[in-house]
Protein backbone atom coordinates (compact mmCIF):
# COMPACT_ATOMS: atom_id res chain seq x y z
CA MET A 1 0.00 0.00 0.00
CA ALA A 2 2.82 2.24 0.85
CA ASP A 3 4.42 1.38 -2.46
CA ASP A 4 1.32 2.49 -4.40
CA GLU A 5 1.33 5.99 -2.85
CA GLU A 6 2.90 8.71 -4.95
CA PRO A 7 6.06 10.09 -3.44
CA GLN A 8 5.68 13.58 -1.97
CA GLU A 9 8.06 16.27 -3.16
CA PHE A 10 9.40 18.81 -0.68
CA ASP A 11 10.87 21.98 -2.16
CA PHE A 12 13.30 23.06 0.53
CA GLY A 13 14.81 25.60 -1.81
CA LYS A 14 11.65 27.68 -1.91
CA LYS A 15 11.34 27.72 1.84
CA LYS A 16 14.95 28.76 2.15
CA LYS A 17 14.47 31.69 -0.26
CA LYS A 18 11.43 32.83 1.68
CA LYS A 19 13.45 32.78 4.86
CA GLU A 20 16.26 34.77 3.20
CA LYS A 21 13.70 37.33 2.02
CA LYS A 22 12.36 37.75 5.53
CA ASP A 23 15.89 38.16 6.87
CA GLY A 24 16.59 40.87 4.24
CA GLU A 25 13.45 42.80 5.10
CA LYS A 26 14.33 42.61 8.79
CA LYS A 27 17.85 43.97 8.14
CA ALA A 28 16.48 46.82 6.00
CA LYS A 29 14.00 47.70 8.72
CA ASP A 30 16.73 47.65 11.36
CA GLY A 31 18.94 49.85 9.16
CA ALA A 32 16.16 52.39 8.71
CA GLU A 33 15.58 52.53 12.46
CA ASP A 34 19.30 53.00 13.07
CA ALA A 35 19.40 55.84 10.52
CA GLU A 36 16.50 57.56 12.23
CA GLU A 37 18.25 57.27 15.57
CA GLY A 38 21.49 58.65 14.04
CA GLY A 39 23.36 55.44 14.59
CA GLY A 40 24.97 54.85 11.16
CA GLY A 41 23.34 53.53 8.02
CA ASP A 42 22.61 55.37 4.77
CA ALA A 43 21.69 59.09 4.77
CA VAL A 44 18.01 59.89 4.67
CA VAL A 45 17.00 61.75 1.46
CA LEU A 46 14.39 64.37 2.14
CA PRO A 47 11.70 65.03 -0.48
CA TRP A 48 12.33 68.00 -2.86
CA GLU A 49 10.14 71.01 -2.36
CA ARG A 50 9.62 73.77 -4.96
CA GLY A 51 10.74 77.21 -3.85
CA PRO A 52 9.03 80.55 -4.50
CA VAL A 53 8.70 81.80 -8.08
CA TYR A 54 9.74 85.42 -8.77
CA GLU A 55 8.58 87.60 -11.63
CA TYR A 56 11.13 89.34 -13.89
CA GLN A 57 10.17 92.83 -12.75
CA GLU A 58 10.50 91.80 -9.11
CA LEU A 59 14.01 90.44 -9.69
CA LEU A 60 14.95 93.58 -11.62
CA SER A 61 13.74 95.79 -8.78
CA ARG A 62 15.76 93.77 -6.28
CA LEU A 63 18.87 94.14 -8.47
CA PHE A 64 18.50 97.93 -8.66
CA LYS A 65 17.98 98.11 -4.91
CA ILE A 66 21.22 96.20 -4.31
CA ILE A 67 23.06 98.56 -6.67
CA GLU A 68 21.67 101.61 -4.86
CA ASP A 69 22.63 100.19 -1.46
CA LYS A 70 26.20 99.35 -2.52
CA ASN A 71 26.83 102.45 -4.66
CA PRO A 72 24.13 105.16 -4.59
CA ALA A 73 25.95 107.20 -7.25
CA LEU A 74 25.29 104.50 -9.87
CA GLY A 75 21.71 103.72 -8.91
CA GLY A 76 18.44 105.56 -9.20
CA ALA A 77 19.37 107.75 -6.20
CA ALA A 78 22.11 109.50 -8.16
CA LYS A 79 22.21 113.27 -7.91
CA LYS A 80 20.37 115.05 -10.69
CA TYR A 81 21.75 118.22 -12.22
CA ILE A 82 19.16 120.79 -13.20
CA MET A 83 20.20 123.08 -16.03
CA LYS A 84 18.60 126.49 -16.18
CA PRO A 85 17.33 127.56 -19.60
CA PRO A 86 19.38 130.30 -21.27
CA GLN A 87 18.00 133.83 -21.09
CA VAL A 88 18.72 135.85 -24.22
CA VAL A 89 17.59 139.45 -24.78
CA ARG A 90 18.10 141.95 -27.57
CA VAL A 91 20.81 144.58 -27.07
CA GLY A 92 20.33 147.22 -29.72
CA SER A 93 19.62 146.17 -33.30
CA LYS A 94 22.66 143.98 -34.04
CA LYS A 95 23.53 142.34 -30.73
CA VAL A 96 22.02 140.05 -28.09
CA GLY A 97 22.84 139.51 -24.45
CA TRP A 98 23.05 136.08 -22.82
CA ILE A 99 22.14 137.17 -19.29
CA ASN A 100 22.77 133.97 -17.25
CA PHE A 101 25.81 132.79 -19.18
CA SER A 102 28.22 132.81 -16.21
CA GLU A 103 25.66 131.11 -13.97
CA ILE A 104 25.26 128.26 -16.48
CA CYS A 105 29.04 127.84 -16.64
CA GLN A 106 29.11 127.45 -12.85
CA ILE A 107 26.34 124.83 -12.94
CA MET A 108 28.28 122.82 -15.55
CA LYS A 109 31.52 123.36 -13.56
CA ARG A 110 33.34 124.49 -16.67
CA PRO A 111 35.61 127.53 -17.11
CA THR A 112 33.93 130.53 -18.67
CA ASP A 113 36.66 131.05 -21.26
CA HIS A 114 36.31 127.48 -22.55
CA VAL A 115 32.53 127.74 -22.93
CA LEU A 116 32.95 131.17 -24.53
CA ALA A 117 35.43 129.80 -27.09
CA PHE A 118 32.97 127.02 -27.95
CA VAL A 119 30.03 129.44 -28.35
CA LEU A 120 31.96 131.83 -30.56
CA ALA A 121 33.33 128.99 -32.70
CA GLU A 122 29.93 127.35 -33.20
CA PHE A 123 28.05 130.57 -33.86
CA GLY A 124 30.86 131.94 -35.98
CA THR A 125 30.51 135.39 -34.50
CA GLU A 126 32.17 137.84 -32.14
CA GLY A 127 31.39 138.33 -28.50
CA SER A 128 32.69 139.28 -25.07
CA ILE A 129 31.79 139.02 -21.39
CA GLY A 130 30.00 142.16 -20.22
CA GLY A 131 28.82 143.40 -16.87
CA GLU A 132 27.37 140.97 -14.32
CA GLY A 133 28.76 138.00 -16.25
CA GLN A 134 26.47 138.27 -19.26
CA LEU A 135 27.68 137.36 -22.75
CA ILE A 136 27.27 139.95 -25.51
CA LEU A 137 27.05 138.39 -28.97
CA ARG A 138 26.91 139.99 -32.38
CA GLY A 139 23.90 138.64 -34.26
CA ALA A 140 20.17 137.98 -33.88
CA TYR A 141 20.34 134.78 -31.83
CA LYS A 142 17.42 133.47 -29.80
CA GLU A 143 17.04 131.30 -26.72
CA LYS A 144 16.41 128.17 -28.80
CA HIS A 145 19.78 128.66 -30.52
CA ALA A 146 21.57 128.96 -27.17
CA GLU A 147 19.77 125.91 -25.78
CA SER A 148 20.72 123.78 -28.78
CA LEU A 149 24.33 124.92 -28.39
CA LEU A 150 24.33 124.04 -24.69
CA ARG A 151 23.09 120.50 -25.42
CA LYS A 152 25.95 120.02 -27.85
CA TYR A 153 28.50 121.34 -25.36
CA ILE A 154 27.20 119.13 -22.53
CA LYS A 155 27.34 116.04 -24.73
CA GLU A 156 30.91 116.76 -25.80
CA PHE A 157 32.54 118.26 -22.70
CA VAL A 158 30.36 117.37 -19.68
CA SER A 159 28.46 114.06 -19.86
CA CYS A 160 30.16 110.72 -19.20
CA ASP A 161 29.85 108.27 -22.10
CA MET A 162 29.70 105.26 -19.76
CA CYS A 163 27.19 106.15 -17.00
CA LYS A 164 25.79 109.40 -18.53
CA SER A 165 26.55 111.29 -15.34
CA ALA A 166 27.27 115.03 -15.31
CA ASN A 167 29.55 114.73 -12.28
CA THR A 168 32.74 115.10 -14.33
CA THR A 169 35.84 117.27 -14.52
CA LEU A 170 37.55 118.74 -17.56
CA VAL A 171 41.36 118.67 -17.46
CA ARG A 172 43.77 119.68 -20.20
CA ASP A 173 46.59 117.26 -20.94
CA SER A 174 49.85 119.20 -21.08
CA SER A 175 51.52 116.70 -23.43
CA THR A 176 48.74 116.36 -26.04
CA ARG A 177 47.08 119.75 -25.36
CA LEU A 178 43.72 118.00 -25.48
CA HIS A 179 40.96 118.15 -22.89
CA VAL A 180 40.10 114.97 -20.98
CA VAL A 181 36.69 114.37 -19.35
CA ASN A 182 37.04 112.40 -16.09
CA CYS A 183 33.91 110.92 -14.46
CA GLN A 184 33.75 111.14 -10.66
CA ASN A 185 31.09 108.39 -10.43
CA CYS A 186 32.32 105.44 -12.49
CA GLY A 187 35.93 106.53 -12.97
CA ALA A 188 35.79 106.47 -16.79
CA SER A 189 37.75 109.00 -18.84
CA ARG A 190 37.71 110.07 -22.46
CA THR A 191 39.41 112.60 -24.68
CA ALA A 192 37.14 115.41 -25.84
CA ASN A 193 37.27 116.75 -29.37
CA SER A 194 38.99 120.03 -30.03
CA ILE A 195 36.84 123.11 -30.48
CA LYS A 196 36.31 123.61 -34.20
CA THR A 197 35.13 126.77 -35.88
CA GLY A 198 31.59 126.42 -37.13
CA TYR A 199 29.72 128.38 -39.77
CA HIS A 200 30.81 131.99 -40.03
CA ALA A 201 28.50 134.42 -41.75
CA VAL A 202 30.27 136.88 -44.01
CA THR A 203 29.56 140.37 -42.68
CA ARG A 204 30.03 143.79 -44.21
CA LYS A 205 33.13 144.20 -42.08
CA ASP A 206 34.63 141.03 -43.56
CA ARG A 207 33.93 142.20 -47.11
CA LYS A 208 35.61 145.55 -46.43
CA ALA A 209 38.65 143.80 -44.97
CA ALA A 210 38.85 141.54 -48.03
CA LYS A 211 38.74 144.54 -50.39
CA GLN A 212 41.50 146.29 -48.49
CA LYS A 213 43.74 143.22 -48.73
CA ALA A 214 43.06 143.01 -52.48
């Protein structure tokens, strides 16, 4: 009877693998507990969290604020220079008077003789400094002509090309005899162009002088 019964098969290998799996899970659990208690094991990786999102304008504002805090001269808190408009009045029938000429030269921090040489060269006329610092010019010039001339002078001999600041000095180089514009804010320097004679209207006096030479 015992011979007729089918032999039973026992898979010890499967039971062994199951036991090994349980042992592995137990070790992993023990390792995790040790890591939580700070007693060795692998480092615990925390989940990643998304930080705040900033708009472009907000970041730009923060950048300008940092620049102003570190160097106010280069930021939005830089000192602004207010230029007074030129005041020109008629003096007789052939001349005009630039009343606040000397005051404008002081605001620009430029020597009066240098600004005078530029005005006479650009206008191509004659002129001199009269009483109370006003400039007497020969010709029928108006305030808009003087204002346009001032803008050209400021661009060439006052403003800094790098930071556009008006806080500059004008120094003449003794070796090259050229004027150098030095910025007091950013430290940049450039060589200014020489004063060139502009358009000169031929007057009756010039024609008489030419006839006498002929």
